[in-house]
Amino acid sequence: MHRAICGFQIDFSKEESWLLGIAGAAAIKIGRTAEGQKARQELERRLLKADGDQAKAGLAIMIAYLYFRSWKLKGGEVAWRNGGLHSNNRPTQEVQNLIAKAIEFTEQAYEAQLADLDSRLYALNLRLFYITEGGTDAEFNQAEDLLGKLLEQRHNSGFWQY
C-alpha cells in the first residue's frame, strides 16, 4: 500500500495538507526519505502561514509524526527497550535531532489547542509517547508532570477514544 501511495504524482505545493502527510509517511516507510522530507518541509512552510489554532495543531501533529518516522527509519530506538542501547549503537546527533523535532512539534500542537480539550490532550499524549521513545533525560524527567495533565482527564471517557 505504501508503494501504491508513492506511485501517485503529487505536486507538493498544491495538494491538500492531509494528503501530503499521508504521502510523506508512506515515502518514509519505504525508505524514500527525500520525498518524505519534501512533504514535511511543505507542511512546515504551511504551518508558518496557517490561520487558526485547529489548522496549526493539525499541521504540527502531521509534521511531528513525519519526524518520528524519520527517526525510526534512521536508526532511532528506545534506549530502555530490549536491553538498552549498546555504547557503539548510539544514534548520531542528526538522528537525535529528528526525535527532538517530533517532540517540539507535539508541544506546538498542544499549545495551539487552547479551546479544544480532546485535541489538546491527544497532542499531549503524543508528546509523552515521543519523549518515552527517544527524549532526553531532561524531557523524560518532565514526563511525570505531563502524565499528571493527562490523568486529570481520566474520567473524561470521550478523550480516551483517541
Protein backbone atom coordinates (compact mmCIF):
# COMPACT_ATOMS: atom_id res chain seq x y z
CA MET A 1 0.00 0.00 0.00
CA HIS A 2 2.83 2.42 0.81
CA ARG A 3 4.29 1.88 -2.65
CA ALA A 4 0.91 2.47 -4.26
CA ILE A 5 0.53 5.76 -2.43
CA CYS A 6 4.02 6.81 -3.51
CA GLY A 7 3.13 5.92 -7.09
CA PHE A 8 0.80 8.89 -7.38
CA GLN A 9 2.16 12.06 -8.92
CA ILE A 10 1.93 14.62 -6.15
CA ASP A 11 2.51 18.32 -6.56
CA PHE A 12 3.74 19.11 -3.07
CA SER A 13 2.90 22.79 -3.35
CA LYS A 14 -0.73 22.24 -4.42
CA GLU A 15 -2.06 19.14 -2.64
CA GLU A 16 -4.18 19.19 0.47
CA SER A 17 -2.18 19.02 3.68
CA TRP A 18 -3.73 15.71 4.80
CA LEU A 19 -2.61 14.10 1.54
CA LEU A 20 0.91 15.46 1.98
CA GLY A 21 1.01 13.91 5.45
CA ILE A 22 -0.07 10.53 4.12
CA ALA A 23 2.27 10.68 1.12
CA GLY A 24 5.18 11.76 3.33
CA ALA A 25 4.56 8.94 5.81
CA ALA A 26 4.29 6.37 3.01
CA ALA A 27 7.51 7.62 1.42
CA ILE A 28 9.40 7.42 4.72
CA LYS A 29 8.00 3.95 5.42
CA ILE A 30 9.51 2.57 2.21
CA GLY A 31 12.78 4.48 2.56
CA ARG A 32 12.13 7.28 0.09
CA THR A 33 13.36 9.83 2.57
CA ALA A 34 13.83 12.68 0.09
CA GLU A 35 10.11 12.58 -0.77
CA GLY A 36 9.16 12.33 2.90
CA GLN A 37 11.38 15.27 3.70
CA LYS A 38 9.90 17.29 0.85
CA ALA A 39 6.38 16.66 2.15
CA ARG A 40 7.45 17.56 5.69
CA GLN A 41 9.12 20.78 4.55
CA GLU A 42 5.99 21.81 2.67
CA LEU A 43 3.87 21.13 5.75
CA GLU A 44 6.29 23.20 7.85
CA ARG A 45 6.01 26.04 5.34
CA ARG A 46 2.22 25.84 5.59
CA LEU A 47 2.36 25.82 9.39
CA LEU A 48 4.15 29.16 9.34
CA LYS A 49 1.28 30.64 7.30
CA ALA A 50 -1.62 28.78 8.95
CA ASP A 51 -4.54 30.66 10.43
CA GLY A 52 -6.42 29.29 13.38
CA ASP A 53 -5.43 27.05 16.24
CA GLN A 54 -7.02 23.91 14.80
CA ALA A 55 -5.16 24.24 11.50
CA LYS A 56 -1.85 24.91 13.23
CA ALA A 57 -2.28 21.96 15.60
CA GLY A 58 -3.24 19.58 12.81
CA LEU A 59 -0.20 20.52 10.77
CA ALA A 60 2.09 20.28 13.80
CA ILE A 61 0.82 16.76 14.56
CA MET A 62 1.49 15.64 10.97
CA ILE A 63 4.96 17.17 10.99
CA ALA A 64 5.77 15.56 14.34
CA TYR A 65 4.75 12.16 13.00
CA LEU A 66 6.95 12.55 9.93
CA TYR A 67 9.91 13.47 12.13
CA PHE A 68 9.19 10.46 14.35
CA ARG A 69 9.02 8.06 11.38
CA SER A 70 12.28 9.52 10.01
CA TRP A 71 13.90 8.99 13.41
CA LYS A 72 12.81 5.35 13.41
CA LEU A 73 13.98 4.81 9.82
CA LYS A 74 17.41 6.29 10.51
CA GLY A 75 18.03 4.04 13.49
CA GLY A 76 16.36 5.81 16.38
CA GLU A 77 15.45 3.32 19.05
CA VAL A 78 14.31 3.30 22.60
CA ALA A 79 17.27 3.07 24.97
CA TRP A 80 15.34 1.16 27.65
CA ARG A 81 13.64 -1.40 25.36
CA ASN A 82 15.25 -4.75 24.52
CA GLY A 83 18.09 -4.43 26.98
CA GLY A 84 19.04 -0.88 26.06
CA LEU A 85 21.42 0.54 23.53
CA HIS A 86 24.98 -0.64 23.38
CA SER A 87 27.51 2.17 23.53
CA ASN A 88 28.58 1.59 19.91
CA ASN A 89 24.97 1.78 18.68
CA ARG A 90 24.17 5.23 19.99
CA PRO A 91 22.28 7.29 17.42
CA THR A 92 24.07 10.19 15.81
CA GLN A 93 23.20 13.77 16.70
CA GLU A 94 21.41 14.04 13.35
CA VAL A 95 19.15 11.13 14.31
CA GLN A 96 18.53 12.53 17.80
CA ASN A 97 17.59 15.87 16.25
CA LEU A 98 14.72 14.12 14.44
CA ILE A 99 13.06 12.93 17.66
CA ALA A 100 13.73 16.31 19.25
CA LYS A 101 11.81 17.95 16.40
CA ALA A 102 8.96 15.45 16.78
CA ILE A 103 8.69 16.36 20.46
CA GLU A 104 8.91 20.07 19.65
CA PHE A 105 6.05 19.89 17.15
CA THR A 106 3.79 17.95 19.53
CA GLU A 107 4.39 20.70 22.06
CA GLN A 108 3.39 23.29 19.43
CA ALA A 109 0.22 21.31 18.72
CA TYR A 110 -0.58 21.13 22.42
CA GLU A 111 -0.08 24.87 22.87
CA ALA A 112 -2.18 25.69 19.80
CA GLN A 113 -5.19 23.71 21.04
CA LEU A 114 -6.27 26.02 23.80
CA ALA A 115 -10.00 25.65 23.18
CA ASP A 116 -10.29 22.01 22.09
CA LEU A 117 -9.53 19.80 25.09
CA ASP A 118 -9.68 16.47 23.23
CA SER A 119 -7.23 17.59 20.56
CA ARG A 120 -5.03 19.23 23.17
CA LEU A 121 -4.83 16.01 25.17
CA TYR A 122 -4.21 13.99 22.02
CA ALA A 123 -1.18 16.20 21.30
CA LEU A 124 -0.03 15.79 24.90
CA ASN A 125 -0.37 12.01 24.64
CA LEU A 126 1.77 12.01 21.50
CA ARG A 127 4.34 14.20 23.19
CA LEU A 128 4.58 11.76 26.08
CA PHE A 129 4.94 8.86 23.66
CA TYR A 130 7.74 10.54 21.71
CA ILE A 131 9.54 11.52 24.91
CA THR A 132 9.27 7.94 26.15
CA GLU A 133 10.57 6.64 22.84
CA GLY A 134 13.57 8.91 22.42
CA GLY A 135 13.52 12.05 24.52
CA THR A 136 16.41 13.35 26.53
CA ASP A 137 16.80 12.64 30.23
CA ALA A 138 15.57 16.16 30.98
CA GLU A 139 12.44 15.62 28.87
CA PHE A 140 11.89 12.23 30.45
CA ASN A 141 12.05 13.87 33.88
CA GLN A 142 9.20 16.18 32.78
CA ALA A 143 7.09 13.21 31.77
CA GLU A 144 5.56 12.81 35.22
CA ASP A 145 4.16 16.35 35.11
CA LEU A 146 2.83 15.77 31.59
CA LEU A 147 1.27 12.49 32.66
CA GLY A 148 -0.42 14.31 35.52
CA LYS A 149 -2.12 16.59 32.99
CA LEU A 150 -3.43 13.53 31.16
CA LEU A 151 -4.57 11.82 34.34
CA GLU A 152 -6.60 14.88 35.30
CA GLN A 153 -8.89 13.82 32.44
CA ARG A 154 -9.03 10.10 33.30
CA HIS A 155 -12.79 10.31 33.90
CA ASN A 156 -13.42 12.03 30.57
CA SER A 157 -14.31 8.93 28.54
CA GLY A 158 -14.66 10.98 25.35
CA PHE A 159 -10.95 11.75 25.35
CA TRP A 160 -9.78 8.17 25.72
CA GLN A 161 -11.25 7.18 22.37
CA TYR A 162 -8.15 8.80 20.89
